[in-house]
Amino acid sequence: MSIHKSEIKKITTHQLQAMKDRGEKISMLTAYDYSMASLVDEAGIDIILVGDSASNVMAGHETTLPITLDQMIYHASSVVRAVKRAFVAVDIPFGSYQGNSSEALRSAIRIMKESGAHSVKMEGGAEIKESVTRILSAGVPVMGHLGLTPQSIYKFGTYSVRAKEEDEADKLIEDAKLLEACGCYAIVLEKIPAELAKRVSEEINIPTIGIGAGPHVDGQVLVIHDMLGITTEFKPRFLRQYADLGTTIKNAVTNYVKDVKAKDFPNDKESY
């Protein structure tokens, strides 16, 4: 039975909080274009993240740093046009909010106005407090991001697990509480020990969404190209691959090339 568009209940920050309160896990995946976002939304995902990981999987850059605000808005607009149910969060890209809360506010407002997205996501804790506060005061929902923060890759010099040392773990808990106090509606915890993620999830009231943060968080997120097996060179321990689309697509293209070369495509039935 097909669901009429008006019957579809859109996910909101209020519903995400209610999910945490009743112990229902939140599902989140990335998407960067209309076609993929349509499929992900129809499959019942709760949150679609238009991640700055588009820099890697869509544009082929080594890090998330090169992607621009204009490019993020382009990807976010494409996703929003596809979505009927999911909540859409968009990464504010590197260089569009750090160190300048006025610029941060401008960037967030541009994302919301020009893409129609439902919230923004930002990496960092105490160091971005002013930017988070200003954006929230303008009525824009903010999702935090702690632990491994890929925009700071050159500061850390590695993508390895964060907050294994006690002082870094204490700062992460402090930052999570600070983001909650500022008014963030959720926090992504990336690549931190499962026990620490459990502690954070228990000590704050807003939802935590993990990527490589174990099972005790309130939800999970993966990059869609990784979990579908489209990107094959990235296989961290936390990734569960749900399909091997890379092989499927290559085989399909190989067969197409073969049929064209053999003059087998198009045949009479495929011609007018």
Protein backbone atom coordinates (compact mmCIF):
# COMPACT_ATOMS: atom_id res chain seq x y z
CA MET A 1 0.00 0.00 0.00
CA SER A 2 1.52 3.34 -1.02
CA ILE A 3 1.50 6.12 1.58
CA HIS A 4 -0.02 9.41 0.47
CA LYS A 5 2.44 12.29 0.74
CA SER A 6 0.27 14.19 3.25
CA GLU A 7 0.23 11.13 5.56
CA ILE A 8 4.01 10.99 5.92
CA LYS A 9 5.09 12.28 9.33
CA LYS A 10 8.28 14.30 9.03
CA ILE A 11 11.06 13.73 11.56
CA THR A 12 11.79 16.73 13.79
CA THR A 13 14.25 17.52 16.60
CA HIS A 14 11.34 16.92 19.00
CA GLN A 15 10.84 13.39 17.64
CA LEU A 16 14.60 12.67 17.80
CA GLN A 17 14.58 13.62 21.49
CA ALA A 18 11.51 11.43 22.05
CA MET A 19 13.37 8.51 20.43
CA LYS A 20 16.23 8.85 22.93
CA ASP A 21 13.78 9.19 25.84
CA ARG A 22 12.00 5.93 24.95
CA GLY A 23 15.18 4.05 24.03
CA GLU A 24 14.53 3.84 20.27
CA LYS A 25 17.78 4.00 18.27
CA ILE A 26 18.18 6.75 15.65
CA SER A 27 19.34 5.80 12.13
CA MET A 28 21.42 8.26 10.12
CA LEU A 29 23.22 8.03 6.76
CA THR A 30 24.89 10.51 4.43
CA ALA A 31 23.53 11.45 1.01
CA TYR A 32 24.70 14.11 -1.43
CA ASP A 33 22.34 13.96 -4.42
CA TYR A 34 18.65 13.73 -5.32
CA SER A 35 18.53 10.11 -6.53
CA MET A 36 20.37 8.61 -3.57
CA ALA A 37 18.48 10.76 -1.06
CA SER A 38 15.14 9.59 -2.54
CA LEU A 39 16.09 5.94 -1.99
CA VAL A 40 17.47 6.52 1.51
CA ASP A 41 14.38 8.51 2.54
CA GLU A 42 11.96 5.91 1.15
CA ALA A 43 13.84 3.18 3.03
CA GLY A 44 12.94 4.88 6.33
CA ILE A 45 16.10 6.64 7.51
CA ASP A 46 15.58 9.11 10.39
CA ILE A 47 18.34 11.63 9.58
CA ILE A 48 20.15 12.33 6.31
CA LEU A 49 23.49 14.04 6.81
CA VAL A 50 24.74 16.08 3.88
CA GLY A 51 28.29 15.55 5.06
CA ASP A 52 31.44 17.40 4.09
CA SER A 53 32.55 13.82 3.31
CA ALA A 54 31.20 14.84 -0.14
CA SER A 55 34.70 16.31 -0.48
CA ASN A 56 36.07 12.74 -0.41
CA VAL A 57 33.42 10.54 -2.03
CA MET A 58 31.93 12.97 -4.56
CA ALA A 59 34.93 15.16 -5.44
CA GLY A 60 37.88 12.83 -4.81
CA HIS A 61 39.76 15.04 -2.35
CA GLU A 62 41.99 13.44 0.28
CA THR A 63 40.39 15.37 3.16
CA THR A 64 37.11 17.19 3.91
CA LEU A 65 38.90 20.57 3.96
CA PRO A 66 38.62 21.70 0.29
CA ILE A 67 34.81 21.62 -0.05
CA THR A 68 33.24 25.10 -0.15
CA LEU A 69 30.06 26.53 1.34
CA ASP A 70 28.58 26.95 -2.16
CA GLN A 71 29.28 23.28 -2.93
CA MET A 72 27.69 22.15 0.35
CA ILE A 73 24.59 24.23 -0.44
CA TYR A 74 24.41 22.62 -3.92
CA HIS A 75 24.53 19.10 -2.43
CA ALA A 76 22.09 20.00 0.37
CA SER A 77 19.56 21.52 -2.08
CA SER A 78 19.64 18.34 -4.17
CA VAL A 79 18.98 16.20 -1.09
CA VAL A 80 16.21 18.40 0.34
CA ARG A 81 14.28 18.22 -2.96
CA ALA A 82 14.16 14.42 -2.59
CA VAL A 83 13.18 14.13 1.06
CA LYS A 84 9.62 13.55 2.27
CA ARG A 85 10.23 12.20 5.79
CA ALA A 86 13.84 12.37 6.99
CA PHE A 87 15.42 15.20 8.99
CA VAL A 88 18.22 16.82 6.95
CA ALA A 89 21.41 18.06 8.66
CA VAL A 90 24.19 19.80 6.73
CA ASP A 91 27.86 20.15 7.65
CA ILE A 92 29.13 23.73 7.75
CA PRO A 93 32.42 23.25 5.88
CA PHE A 94 35.91 24.03 7.14
CA GLY A 95 36.73 27.75 7.12
CA SER A 96 33.08 28.85 7.24
CA TYR A 97 32.68 29.12 11.02
CA GLN A 98 35.96 28.64 12.92
CA GLY A 99 37.14 31.68 14.85
CA ASN A 100 34.45 34.09 13.64
CA SER A 101 30.93 33.82 15.01
CA SER A 102 29.54 36.42 12.55
CA GLU A 103 30.79 34.37 9.61
CA ALA A 104 29.47 31.21 11.27
CA LEU A 105 26.00 32.77 11.53
CA ARG A 106 26.11 33.94 7.89
CA SER A 107 27.14 30.45 6.74
CA ALA A 108 24.37 28.74 8.73
CA ILE A 109 21.72 31.17 7.47
CA ARG A 110 22.86 30.69 3.87
CA ILE A 111 22.62 26.89 4.23
CA MET A 112 19.12 27.08 5.73
CA LYS A 113 17.75 29.71 3.31
CA GLU A 114 19.31 28.44 0.09
CA SER A 115 18.99 24.68 0.60
CA GLY A 116 15.86 24.35 2.74
CA ALA A 117 17.70 21.99 5.14
CA HIS A 118 16.51 21.47 8.70
CA SER A 119 19.74 21.98 10.67
CA VAL A 120 23.50 22.44 10.50
CA LYS A 121 26.32 20.36 11.99
CA MET A 122 29.59 21.72 13.39
CA GLU A 123 32.80 20.13 14.70
CA GLY A 124 34.27 21.11 18.04
CA GLY A 125 33.46 22.00 21.64
CA ALA A 126 34.43 24.98 23.80
CA GLU A 127 36.41 26.56 20.95
CA ILE A 128 33.24 27.04 18.84
CA LYS A 129 30.89 27.92 21.72
CA GLU A 130 30.32 31.52 20.55
CA SER A 131 29.47 30.41 17.00
CA VAL A 132 27.09 27.70 18.23
CA THR A 133 25.33 30.18 20.54
CA ARG A 134 24.89 32.79 17.81
CA ILE A 135 23.53 30.28 15.30
CA LEU A 136 21.09 28.85 17.85
CA SER A 137 19.96 32.36 18.83
CA ALA A 138 18.95 32.86 15.17
CA GLY A 139 16.67 29.82 15.46
CA VAL A 140 18.87 27.41 13.50
CA PRO A 141 19.13 23.92 15.08
CA VAL A 142 22.75 22.75 15.60
CA MET A 143 24.11 19.21 15.76
CA GLY A 144 27.49 18.96 17.47
CA HIS A 145 30.40 16.67 16.55
CA LEU A 146 33.09 15.51 19.00
CA GLY A 147 35.86 12.93 19.09
CA LEU A 148 37.61 12.49 15.76
CA THR A 149 36.87 15.76 13.97
CA PRO A 150 38.05 15.31 10.35
CA GLN A 151 38.26 19.07 9.72
CA SER A 152 41.10 19.11 12.29
CA ILE A 153 43.06 16.33 10.58
CA TYR A 154 46.22 18.39 10.22
CA LYS A 155 46.14 19.31 13.92
CA PHE A 156 45.87 15.66 15.01
CA GLY A 157 47.90 14.26 12.09
CA THR A 158 45.99 10.97 12.15
CA TYR A 159 42.51 9.49 11.81
CA SER A 160 43.09 7.13 14.77
CA VAL A 161 40.77 6.73 17.77
CA ARG A 162 40.40 9.86 19.92
CA ALA A 163 40.00 10.40 23.67
CA LYS A 164 41.82 7.27 24.83
CA GLU A 165 43.78 9.37 27.36
CA GLU A 166 41.99 10.52 30.50
CA ASP A 167 42.48 14.27 29.97
CA GLU A 168 41.11 14.14 26.42
CA ALA A 169 38.19 11.98 27.61
CA ASP A 170 37.40 14.50 30.38
CA LYS A 171 37.48 17.37 27.88
CA LEU A 172 35.14 15.45 25.55
CA ILE A 173 32.59 14.96 28.35
CA GLU A 174 32.95 18.63 29.30
CA ASP A 175 32.44 19.69 25.66
CA ALA A 176 29.38 17.43 25.29
CA LYS A 177 27.79 19.01 28.37
CA LEU A 178 28.68 22.47 27.05
CA LEU A 179 27.07 21.78 23.64
CA GLU A 180 23.96 20.50 25.39
CA ALA A 181 23.85 23.61 27.61
CA CYS A 182 24.20 25.85 24.53
CA GLY A 183 21.13 24.16 23.04
CA CYS A 184 22.41 21.62 20.50
CA TYR A 185 19.75 18.98 19.74
CA ALA A 186 22.21 16.07 19.21
CA ILE A 187 25.93 15.26 19.10
CA VAL A 188 27.86 12.98 16.75
CA LEU A 189 30.62 11.02 18.55
CA GLU A 190 33.25 9.80 16.10
CA LYS A 191 35.87 7.10 16.72
CA ILE A 192 36.04 7.13 20.51
CA PRO A 193 36.16 4.20 22.97
CA ALA A 194 32.76 2.54 23.44
CA GLU A 195 32.87 2.98 27.22
CA LEU A 196 33.45 6.73 26.90
CA ALA A 197 30.59 7.03 24.40
CA LYS A 198 28.36 5.16 26.87
CA ARG A 199 29.33 7.58 29.62
CA VAL A 200 28.61 10.63 27.46
CA SER A 201 25.24 9.20 26.38
CA GLU A 202 24.28 8.64 30.02
CA GLU A 203 25.50 12.04 31.28
CA ILE A 204 23.74 14.22 28.70
CA ASN A 205 20.03 14.31 27.90
CA ILE A 206 20.23 14.99 24.15
CA PRO A 207 20.76 12.17 21.60
CA THR A 208 24.26 10.94 20.78
CA ILE A 209 24.93 9.45 17.34
CA GLY A 210 28.00 7.29 16.94
CA ILE A 211 30.35 6.42 14.12
CA GLY A 212 32.95 4.03 15.48
CA ALA A 213 31.72 4.78 19.01
CA GLY A 214 30.23 1.40 19.97
CA PRO A 215 26.64 0.28 20.67
CA HIS A 216 25.75 2.37 23.73
CA VAL A 217 24.99 5.63 21.87
CA ASP A 218 21.46 6.70 20.88
CA GLY A 219 21.96 6.25 17.14
CA GLN A 220 24.40 5.32 14.39
CA VAL A 221 25.69 7.04 11.24
CA LEU A 222 27.73 5.76 8.29
CA VAL A 223 28.85 7.26 4.99
CA ILE A 224 26.55 5.73 2.40
CA HIS A 225 29.28 5.08 -0.19
CA ASP A 226 31.17 3.05 2.41
CA MET A 227 28.25 0.94 3.66
CA LEU A 228 27.09 0.20 0.09
CA GLY A 229 30.58 -0.84 -1.03
CA ILE A 230 30.87 1.88 -3.69
CA THR A 231 34.11 3.13 -2.15
CA THR A 232 36.31 0.09 -1.65
CA GLU A 233 39.59 1.49 -0.31
CA PHE A 234 38.10 2.63 3.04
CA LYS A 235 37.45 -0.28 5.39
CA PRO A 236 37.76 0.77 9.04
CA ARG A 237 36.85 -1.57 11.85
CA PHE A 238 33.55 0.24 12.57
CA LEU A 239 32.22 -0.13 9.02
CA ARG A 240 29.64 -2.83 8.26
CA GLN A 241 29.26 -3.16 4.49
CA TYR A 242 25.64 -3.91 3.58
CA ALA A 243 26.14 -4.31 -0.19
CA ASP A 244 28.87 -4.65 -2.80
CA LEU A 245 27.60 -2.07 -5.28
CA GLY A 246 31.12 -1.33 -6.49
CA THR A 247 31.35 -4.80 -8.05
CA THR A 248 27.72 -4.71 -9.27
CA ILE A 249 28.24 -1.37 -11.04
CA LYS A 250 31.57 -2.41 -12.61
CA ASN A 251 30.03 -5.67 -13.88
CA ALA A 252 27.04 -3.81 -15.35
CA VAL A 253 29.30 -1.33 -17.17
CA THR A 254 31.58 -4.14 -18.41
CA ASN A 255 28.55 -5.97 -19.86
CA TYR A 256 27.24 -2.77 -21.45
CA VAL A 257 30.60 -2.09 -23.13
CA LYS A 258 30.74 -5.70 -24.34
CA ASP A 259 27.22 -5.53 -25.83
CA VAL A 260 27.89 -2.20 -27.58
CA LYS A 261 31.16 -3.48 -29.07
CA ALA A 262 29.49 -6.75 -30.18
CA LYS A 263 26.66 -4.74 -31.82
CA ASP A 264 24.25 -6.59 -29.55
CA PHE A 265 22.85 -3.39 -28.02
CA PRO A 266 20.41 -2.05 -29.00
CA ASN A 267 18.50 -4.99 -30.52
CA ASP A 268 15.28 -4.81 -32.55
CA LYS A 269 13.07 -4.68 -29.44
CA GLU A 270 15.11 -1.75 -28.11
CA SER A 271 14.80 0.25 -31.34
CA TYR A 272 11.95 2.39 -32.68
